[in-house]
Amino acid sequence: METITNLDGAASPSLLFDADAITRNLELMLRVVGGVPSRLRPHIKTHKCHEILTQQLALGITAVKCATIAEAELSALAGVPDILISYPLVGPNVDRFFRLIETYPASKFSTLVDNEFALEAFVRPGAEPVSLFIDLDCGMHRTGIAPGPAAIALVRTLVDHPSLHFAGVHAYDGHIHDASIEDRKTQFEAAMALFDGFVEVIESEIAPVPLVVAGGSPTFGLHAAQCSMSPRPRQCSPGTTVLWDSGYGGYYDDLPFEPAAFLLTRVVSHPGNGRICLDLGHKAVAAENVIARRVRFPAMPEARFVSQSEEHLVVEGIDPAVWPVGTAVIGIPIHVCPTVALHQEARLIRNHALTGESWEIAARNRRITI
């Protein structure tokens, strides 16, 4: 990792985005899908940032996937034409979805369903038909309906309903994340056998499938290879690839993306016993993993993580004399998506130097206006 200069003027803890690395990652995403932007529908949950959406649009990437109403609204504000909310919408979120449609007519919104109760919630007398994807469970067992008679019945209900539009089939294979490409490919082929078999049944018994949206980051390359061979339109939906992280980085040789999101922290104390304390607590880096798998410090690979609280991280196994109080330390988050959501803005790096620019993490809010 290159040294980042001009850190003295930035408070810590801070989120940093390397604008040059983001551009390279976006360009690599396009190369992975053969240079065809219509094969990409990146998930914006990773960055939640207007400026990155603008960059995607400039590259011809006109479709996105979102997890929240706020992410969808941010995408519409950025001018994204095609927005899929790939999360089950229930209760008041259904009403918010309709408000999105009314408020941003220049964007096409869709969402997904995996049961008839959810499907019926989108039936509104007098409204334009809502575009819905069938969410298929291809092995993760989180959301989605399993292939079988119930799934076929759900598709038939959607296709036949005059107030709804069958947009296609969606599947997320987040359970496939082995480092070995051979292991990932084996699991991928099993998942896609289920998925593609289901799609073929739909087309033979009910109706053509207008679009397939599938996959995440670890299987991005595998899905991309299928796009050129697919008899129907197909889109890949990686998210982490735009920023990457140290949870994925170094494990997937077939996905040579580079870290573009960093954490600036500083030594705030020498509590004794060969330990140092950094100002990088739970509120600045995602803490869902065990303490040793929350952040990686390239400059102190020998550091052992002792404890973490809301605003503190204590490490040992390094010489405190080498790390005086006030010293800046750069970390790479293990899981970048929830880490980004902890920060209201990202300070920008260009040409390995921190600039005076910042990008708002606008969709970290649960609500923008709707």
Protein backbone atom coordinates (compact mmCIF):
# COMPACT_ATOMS: atom_id res chain seq x y z
CA MET A 1 0.00 0.00 0.00
CA GLU A 2 1.32 3.43 -0.98
CA THR A 3 1.94 6.05 1.71
CA ILE A 4 -0.86 8.63 1.95
CA THR A 5 0.38 12.18 2.46
CA ASN A 6 -1.34 15.30 3.87
CA LEU A 7 -2.93 13.42 6.77
CA ASP A 8 -2.12 16.09 9.37
CA GLY A 9 -5.20 18.16 8.61
CA ALA A 10 -7.71 15.32 8.91
CA ALA A 11 -9.38 14.48 12.21
CA SER A 12 -9.56 10.86 13.27
CA PRO A 13 -11.26 8.51 13.06
CA SER A 14 -12.13 9.24 9.42
CA LEU A 15 -13.24 7.32 6.37
CA LEU A 16 -11.06 7.89 3.31
CA PHE A 17 -11.92 7.09 -0.33
CA ASP A 18 -9.18 6.74 -2.92
CA ALA A 19 -10.86 8.32 -5.95
CA ASP A 20 -8.27 6.92 -8.36
CA ALA A 21 -8.72 3.37 -7.06
CA ILE A 22 -12.50 3.70 -7.29
CA THR A 23 -12.17 4.67 -10.96
CA ARG A 24 -9.90 1.69 -11.63
CA ASN A 25 -12.28 -0.69 -9.84
CA LEU A 26 -15.26 0.57 -11.86
CA GLU A 27 -13.30 0.16 -15.08
CA LEU A 28 -12.31 -3.36 -14.05
CA MET A 29 -15.95 -4.21 -13.31
CA LEU A 30 -16.75 -3.25 -16.88
CA ARG A 31 -13.91 -5.34 -18.26
CA VAL A 32 -15.10 -8.37 -16.29
CA VAL A 33 -18.47 -8.19 -18.12
CA GLY A 34 -16.79 -7.84 -21.50
CA GLY A 35 -17.14 -4.08 -21.67
CA VAL A 36 -20.95 -4.27 -21.88
CA PRO A 37 -22.47 -1.87 -19.29
CA SER A 38 -25.97 -3.36 -19.59
CA ARG A 39 -24.64 -6.55 -17.98
CA LEU A 40 -23.98 -4.66 -14.73
CA ARG A 41 -26.40 -3.72 -11.97
CA PRO A 42 -24.03 -2.83 -9.10
CA HIS A 43 -25.38 -2.88 -5.55
CA ILE A 44 -24.97 0.57 -4.00
CA LYS A 45 -25.20 -0.67 -0.40
CA THR A 46 -21.40 -0.64 -0.30
CA HIS A 47 -20.83 3.06 -1.04
CA LYS A 48 -24.22 4.85 -0.60
CA CYS A 49 -22.65 7.80 -2.41
CA HIS A 50 -24.00 10.17 -5.09
CA GLU A 51 -20.60 10.85 -6.63
CA ILE A 52 -19.91 7.16 -7.25
CA LEU A 53 -23.33 6.78 -8.85
CA THR A 54 -22.42 9.67 -11.15
CA GLN A 55 -19.20 7.90 -12.14
CA GLN A 56 -21.11 4.71 -12.90
CA LEU A 57 -23.53 6.62 -15.13
CA ALA A 58 -20.62 8.22 -16.99
CA LEU A 59 -19.37 4.71 -17.79
CA GLY A 60 -22.79 3.75 -19.19
CA ILE A 61 -23.89 1.75 -16.12
CA THR A 62 -27.56 2.75 -15.94
CA ALA A 63 -29.01 0.14 -13.58
CA VAL A 64 -28.42 -0.34 -9.85
CA LYS A 65 -29.53 -2.55 -7.01
CA CYS A 66 -30.41 -1.16 -3.56
CA ALA A 67 -31.33 -2.47 -0.13
CA THR A 68 -33.21 0.53 1.27
CA ILE A 69 -35.69 3.20 0.21
CA ALA A 70 -33.03 5.83 0.94
CA GLU A 71 -30.53 4.12 -1.39
CA ALA A 72 -33.20 4.01 -4.09
CA GLU A 73 -34.03 7.69 -3.62
CA LEU A 74 -30.36 8.66 -3.75
CA SER A 75 -30.06 6.71 -7.03
CA ALA A 76 -33.04 8.58 -8.46
CA LEU A 77 -31.59 11.92 -7.37
CA ALA A 78 -28.39 10.99 -9.21
CA GLY A 79 -30.40 10.29 -12.35
CA VAL A 80 -30.14 6.50 -12.47
CA PRO A 81 -32.82 5.26 -14.92
CA ASP A 82 -33.32 1.70 -13.59
CA ILE A 83 -33.47 1.00 -9.85
CA LEU A 84 -34.16 -2.38 -8.21
CA ILE A 85 -34.82 -2.55 -4.48
CA SER A 86 -33.67 -6.09 -3.78
CA TYR A 87 -35.15 -6.33 -0.32
CA PRO A 88 -38.59 -7.51 0.85
CA LEU A 89 -40.78 -4.42 1.30
CA VAL A 90 -43.55 -4.75 3.87
CA GLY A 91 -45.73 -2.41 5.92
CA PRO A 92 -45.13 1.33 5.39
CA ASN A 93 -42.19 0.63 3.10
CA VAL A 94 -44.66 -0.44 0.42
CA ASP A 95 -46.27 3.02 0.60
CA ARG A 96 -42.82 4.61 0.44
CA PHE A 97 -42.09 2.56 -2.68
CA PHE A 98 -45.18 4.00 -4.38
CA ARG A 99 -44.10 7.49 -3.33
CA LEU A 100 -40.75 6.89 -5.00
CA ILE A 101 -42.54 6.03 -8.23
CA GLU A 102 -44.69 9.16 -8.01
CA THR A 103 -41.86 11.50 -6.99
CA TYR A 104 -39.22 10.35 -9.50
CA PRO A 105 -41.03 9.52 -12.77
CA ALA A 106 -37.76 9.65 -14.76
CA SER A 107 -36.55 6.49 -13.00
CA LYS A 108 -38.02 3.02 -13.33
CA PHE A 109 -38.39 1.29 -9.97
CA SER A 110 -38.81 -2.41 -9.30
CA THR A 111 -38.62 -4.67 -6.29
CA LEU A 112 -38.88 -8.36 -5.50
CA VAL A 113 -41.32 -10.76 -3.86
CA ASP A 114 -41.12 -14.35 -2.64
CA ASN A 115 -44.70 -14.97 -1.45
CA GLU A 116 -48.27 -14.12 -2.45
CA PHE A 117 -48.91 -11.96 0.64
CA ALA A 118 -46.09 -9.66 -0.43
CA LEU A 119 -47.24 -9.71 -4.03
CA GLU A 120 -50.77 -8.58 -3.19
CA ALA A 121 -49.43 -5.58 -1.24
CA PHE A 122 -48.33 -4.03 -4.55
CA VAL A 123 -51.78 -4.14 -6.13
CA ARG A 124 -53.16 -0.58 -6.20
CA PRO A 125 -56.39 0.19 -8.10
CA GLY A 126 -55.78 2.77 -10.80
CA ALA A 127 -51.99 2.71 -10.45
CA GLU A 128 -49.61 1.70 -13.20
CA PRO A 129 -48.56 -1.96 -12.94
CA VAL A 130 -45.64 -2.39 -10.54
CA SER A 131 -42.56 -4.23 -11.80
CA LEU A 132 -41.75 -7.20 -9.58
CA PHE A 133 -38.96 -9.76 -9.68
CA ILE A 134 -39.44 -13.23 -8.24
CA ASP A 135 -36.74 -13.70 -5.59
CA LEU A 136 -35.43 -17.26 -5.80
CA ASP A 137 -33.55 -19.00 -2.99
CA CYS A 138 -30.57 -20.65 -4.68
CA GLY A 139 -28.99 -21.94 -1.48
CA MET A 140 -28.46 -19.07 0.97
CA HIS A 141 -31.79 -19.67 2.78
CA ARG A 142 -32.19 -16.04 3.84
CA THR A 143 -34.95 -14.73 1.57
CA GLY A 144 -36.41 -16.06 -1.62
CA ILE A 145 -38.70 -18.90 -2.53
CA ALA A 146 -37.26 -22.35 -3.21
CA PRO A 147 -37.70 -23.79 -6.72
CA GLY A 148 -40.75 -25.99 -6.90
CA PRO A 149 -44.53 -25.97 -7.36
CA ALA A 150 -45.12 -23.06 -4.95
CA ALA A 151 -42.59 -20.92 -6.79
CA ILE A 152 -44.14 -21.75 -10.15
CA ALA A 153 -47.58 -20.87 -8.77
CA LEU A 154 -46.23 -17.53 -7.54
CA VAL A 155 -44.81 -16.73 -10.97
CA ARG A 156 -48.10 -17.66 -12.62
CA THR A 157 -50.02 -15.37 -10.25
CA LEU A 158 -47.64 -12.51 -11.01
CA VAL A 159 -47.71 -13.02 -14.78
CA ASP A 160 -51.50 -13.25 -14.88
CA HIS A 161 -52.20 -10.27 -12.60
CA PRO A 162 -53.35 -7.19 -14.58
CA SER A 163 -52.03 -4.77 -11.93
CA LEU A 164 -48.52 -6.22 -11.81
CA HIS A 165 -45.64 -6.60 -14.25
CA PHE A 166 -43.35 -9.63 -14.26
CA ALA A 167 -39.85 -8.06 -14.44
CA GLY A 168 -37.78 -11.23 -14.16
CA VAL A 169 -36.04 -13.49 -11.66
CA HIS A 170 -33.51 -12.50 -9.00
CA ALA A 171 -31.14 -14.62 -6.93
CA TYR A 172 -28.33 -13.82 -4.51
CA ASP A 173 -25.69 -16.45 -3.81
CA GLY A 174 -24.09 -14.85 -0.76
CA HIS A 175 -23.41 -18.26 0.77
CA ILE A 176 -20.66 -18.83 -1.82
CA HIS A 177 -17.47 -17.14 -0.68
CA ASP A 178 -14.71 -19.77 -0.56
CA ALA A 179 -11.24 -18.49 -1.42
CA SER A 180 -10.56 -21.34 -3.83
CA ILE A 181 -11.98 -20.64 -7.28
CA GLU A 182 -12.50 -24.38 -7.72
CA ASP A 183 -14.65 -24.59 -4.58
CA ARG A 184 -16.57 -21.46 -5.53
CA LYS A 185 -17.18 -22.81 -9.02
CA THR A 186 -18.49 -26.12 -7.68
CA GLN A 187 -20.98 -24.38 -5.39
CA PHE A 188 -21.85 -21.85 -8.09
CA GLU A 189 -22.67 -24.56 -10.59
CA ALA A 190 -24.93 -26.28 -8.06
CA ALA A 191 -26.75 -23.04 -7.28
CA MET A 192 -27.12 -22.12 -10.95
CA ALA A 193 -28.42 -25.57 -11.83
CA LEU A 194 -31.32 -24.87 -9.47
CA PHE A 195 -31.74 -21.34 -10.74
CA ASP A 196 -31.48 -21.99 -14.46
CA GLY A 197 -33.69 -25.07 -14.21
CA PHE A 198 -36.37 -22.95 -12.56
CA VAL A 199 -36.09 -20.26 -15.24
CA GLU A 200 -36.43 -22.89 -17.97
CA VAL A 201 -39.61 -24.25 -16.38
CA ILE A 202 -41.08 -20.73 -16.24
CA GLU A 203 -40.35 -20.19 -19.91
CA SER A 204 -41.68 -23.56 -20.99
CA GLU A 205 -44.87 -23.44 -18.90
CA ILE A 206 -45.74 -19.77 -18.27
CA ALA A 207 -43.96 -16.93 -20.04
CA PRO A 208 -40.57 -15.61 -21.18
CA VAL A 209 -38.31 -14.33 -18.40
CA PRO A 210 -37.51 -10.71 -19.32
CA LEU A 211 -34.37 -10.41 -17.17
CA VAL A 212 -32.15 -12.38 -14.80
CA VAL A 213 -30.34 -10.50 -11.99
CA ALA A 214 -27.96 -12.67 -10.02
CA GLY A 215 -24.87 -12.89 -7.89
CA GLY A 216 -22.70 -10.88 -5.55
CA SER A 217 -18.99 -10.08 -5.42
CA PRO A 218 -17.23 -13.46 -4.82
CA THR A 219 -19.09 -15.03 -7.76
CA PHE A 220 -18.95 -11.93 -9.97
CA GLY A 221 -16.56 -13.39 -12.51
CA LEU A 222 -18.52 -16.64 -12.74
CA HIS A 223 -21.80 -14.82 -13.39
CA ALA A 224 -20.11 -12.50 -15.87
CA ALA A 225 -18.95 -15.48 -17.91
CA GLN A 226 -22.55 -16.65 -18.17
CA CYS A 227 -23.82 -13.28 -19.44
CA SER A 228 -22.37 -13.77 -22.91
CA MET A 229 -23.83 -17.27 -23.16
CA SER A 230 -27.27 -16.55 -21.73
CA PRO A 231 -30.27 -16.88 -24.07
CA ARG A 232 -31.96 -14.03 -22.17
CA PRO A 233 -30.79 -10.66 -20.76
CA ARG A 234 -28.68 -11.21 -17.64
CA GLN A 235 -27.12 -8.79 -15.15
CA CYS A 236 -24.44 -9.20 -12.49
CA SER A 237 -24.93 -7.32 -9.22
CA PRO A 238 -21.67 -7.09 -7.25
CA GLY A 239 -21.38 -4.41 -4.57
CA THR A 240 -18.08 -4.67 -2.71
CA THR A 241 -16.04 -4.59 -5.92
CA VAL A 242 -16.20 -0.78 -6.15
CA LEU A 243 -14.39 -0.26 -2.81
CA TRP A 244 -13.10 -3.76 -2.02
CA ASP A 245 -11.84 -4.55 1.50
CA SER A 246 -9.41 -6.76 3.38
CA GLY A 247 -12.13 -9.35 3.96
CA TYR A 248 -12.11 -10.16 0.24
CA GLY A 249 -8.75 -8.70 -0.75
CA GLY A 250 -5.96 -11.22 -1.12
CA TYR A 251 -8.30 -14.21 -1.19
CA TYR A 252 -9.74 -14.10 -4.70
CA ASP A 253 -7.00 -14.24 -7.32
CA ASP A 254 -9.60 -14.16 -10.06
CA LEU A 255 -10.93 -10.79 -8.82
CA PRO A 256 -7.98 -8.37 -8.81
CA PHE A 257 -9.81 -5.38 -7.35
CA GLU A 258 -7.93 -3.04 -5.02
CA PRO A 259 -8.85 -1.43 -1.69
CA ALA A 260 -10.33 2.03 -2.22
CA ALA A 261 -11.73 2.68 1.27
CA PHE A 262 -9.46 3.28 4.25
CA LEU A 263 -9.74 4.29 7.88
CA LEU A 264 -7.58 6.99 9.39
CA THR A 265 -6.95 6.45 13.09
CA ARG A 266 -4.35 7.77 15.55
CA VAL A 267 -2.53 6.55 18.62
CA VAL A 268 -4.19 8.23 21.59
CA SER A 269 -2.55 6.43 24.53
CA HIS A 270 0.20 4.07 25.69
CA PRO A 271 -1.62 2.13 28.43
CA GLY A 272 1.46 0.06 29.35
CA ASN A 273 2.37 -3.60 28.96
CA GLY A 274 3.57 -2.99 25.41
CA ARG A 275 0.16 -1.82 24.28
CA ILE A 276 -1.12 1.16 22.33
CA CYS A 277 -4.65 2.53 22.11
CA LEU A 278 -6.12 3.86 18.85
CA ASP A 279 -9.21 6.03 18.37
CA LEU A 280 -10.96 3.37 16.26
CA GLY A 281 -13.90 1.95 18.19
CA HIS A 282 -17.11 0.16 17.31
CA LYS A 283 -18.57 3.44 16.06
CA ALA A 284 -15.95 3.80 13.33
CA VAL A 285 -15.44 0.26 11.99
CA ALA A 286 -17.91 -2.61 11.57
CA ALA A 287 -17.78 -4.85 14.62
CA GLU A 288 -19.87 -7.84 13.59
CA ASN A 289 -16.80 -10.06 13.24
CA VAL A 290 -14.51 -11.27 16.02
CA ILE A 291 -12.11 -8.58 17.16
CA ALA A 292 -9.19 -9.89 15.11
CA ARG A 293 -11.27 -9.54 11.92
CA ARG A 294 -12.50 -5.96 11.94
CA VAL A 295 -9.61 -4.00 10.45
CA ARG A 296 -6.14 -4.67 9.06
CA PHE A 297 -3.23 -2.29 9.55
CA PRO A 298 -0.68 -2.86 6.74
CA ALA A 299 2.00 -0.92 8.62
CA MET A 300 1.69 -3.06 11.76
CA PRO A 301 0.97 -6.62 10.60
CA GLU A 302 2.25 -8.06 13.88
CA ALA A 303 -0.34 -6.20 15.99
CA ARG A 304 -2.60 -8.36 18.17
CA PHE A 305 -6.03 -6.98 19.00
CA VAL A 306 -6.73 -6.92 22.74
CA SER A 307 -10.00 -5.04 23.21
CA GLN A 308 -12.35 -2.64 21.50
CA SER A 309 -15.06 -0.38 22.84
CA GLU A 310 -17.12 2.47 21.43
CA GLU A 311 -14.20 4.81 20.71
CA HIS A 312 -11.09 2.76 21.57
CA LEU A 313 -9.07 -0.09 20.07
CA VAL A 314 -6.22 -1.57 22.12
CA VAL A 315 -3.49 -3.57 20.38
CA GLU A 316 -0.27 -5.20 21.53
CA GLY A 317 2.67 -7.05 20.06
CA ILE A 318 4.28 -3.90 18.70
CA ASP A 319 6.83 -1.49 20.12
CA PRO A 320 5.04 1.60 21.51
CA ALA A 321 8.23 3.61 21.02
CA VAL A 322 7.78 3.19 17.26
CA TRP A 323 4.22 4.47 17.51
CA PRO A 324 4.23 7.70 19.58
CA VAL A 325 0.98 9.23 20.79
CA GLY A 326 -0.51 11.22 17.92
CA THR A 327 0.86 8.98 15.16
CA ALA A 328 -1.51 8.44 12.24
CA VAL A 329 -2.27 4.85 11.24
CA ILE A 330 -4.13 3.70 8.12
CA GLY A 331 -6.42 0.67 8.30
CA ILE A 332 -8.32 -1.32 5.69
CA PRO A 333 -11.72 -2.49 6.95
CA ILE A 334 -12.44 -6.20 6.86
CA HIS A 335 -16.10 -5.55 5.94
CA VAL A 336 -16.38 -2.29 4.08
CA CYS A 337 -20.18 -2.05 3.58
CA PRO A 338 -21.26 -1.61 7.23
CA THR A 339 -18.09 0.38 7.94
CA VAL A 340 -18.97 3.00 5.32
CA ALA A 341 -22.45 3.33 6.84
CA LEU A 342 -20.89 4.46 10.14
CA HIS A 343 -19.47 7.63 8.56
CA GLN A 344 -21.28 10.73 7.33
CA GLU A 345 -18.62 11.52 4.76
CA ALA A 346 -15.49 10.18 3.10
CA ARG A 347 -12.39 12.34 2.72
CA LEU A 348 -10.83 11.98 -0.72
CA ILE A 349 -7.40 10.72 -1.73
CA ARG A 350 -6.02 11.57 -5.15
CA ASN A 351 -2.52 10.70 -6.35
CA HIS A 352 -1.77 9.19 -2.91
CA ALA A 353 -2.49 12.49 -1.12
CA LEU A 354 -5.44 13.52 1.03
CA THR A 355 -7.24 16.44 -0.62
CA GLY A 356 -9.68 18.95 0.80
CA GLU A 357 -12.59 17.20 -0.90
CA SER A 358 -15.19 15.00 0.74
CA TRP A 359 -18.12 12.91 -0.49
CA GLU A 360 -21.25 12.54 1.61
CA ILE A 361 -22.39 9.02 2.48
CA ALA A 362 -25.90 10.26 1.83
CA ALA A 363 -27.83 6.99 1.94
CA ARG A 364 -26.44 6.00 5.34
CA ASN A 365 -29.61 7.76 6.53
CA ARG A 366 -32.70 5.62 6.66
CA ARG A 367 -34.67 8.44 5.05
CA ILE A 368 -33.71 11.19 2.63
CA THR A 369 -37.11 12.76 1.91
CA ILE A 370 -39.43 9.76 1.49
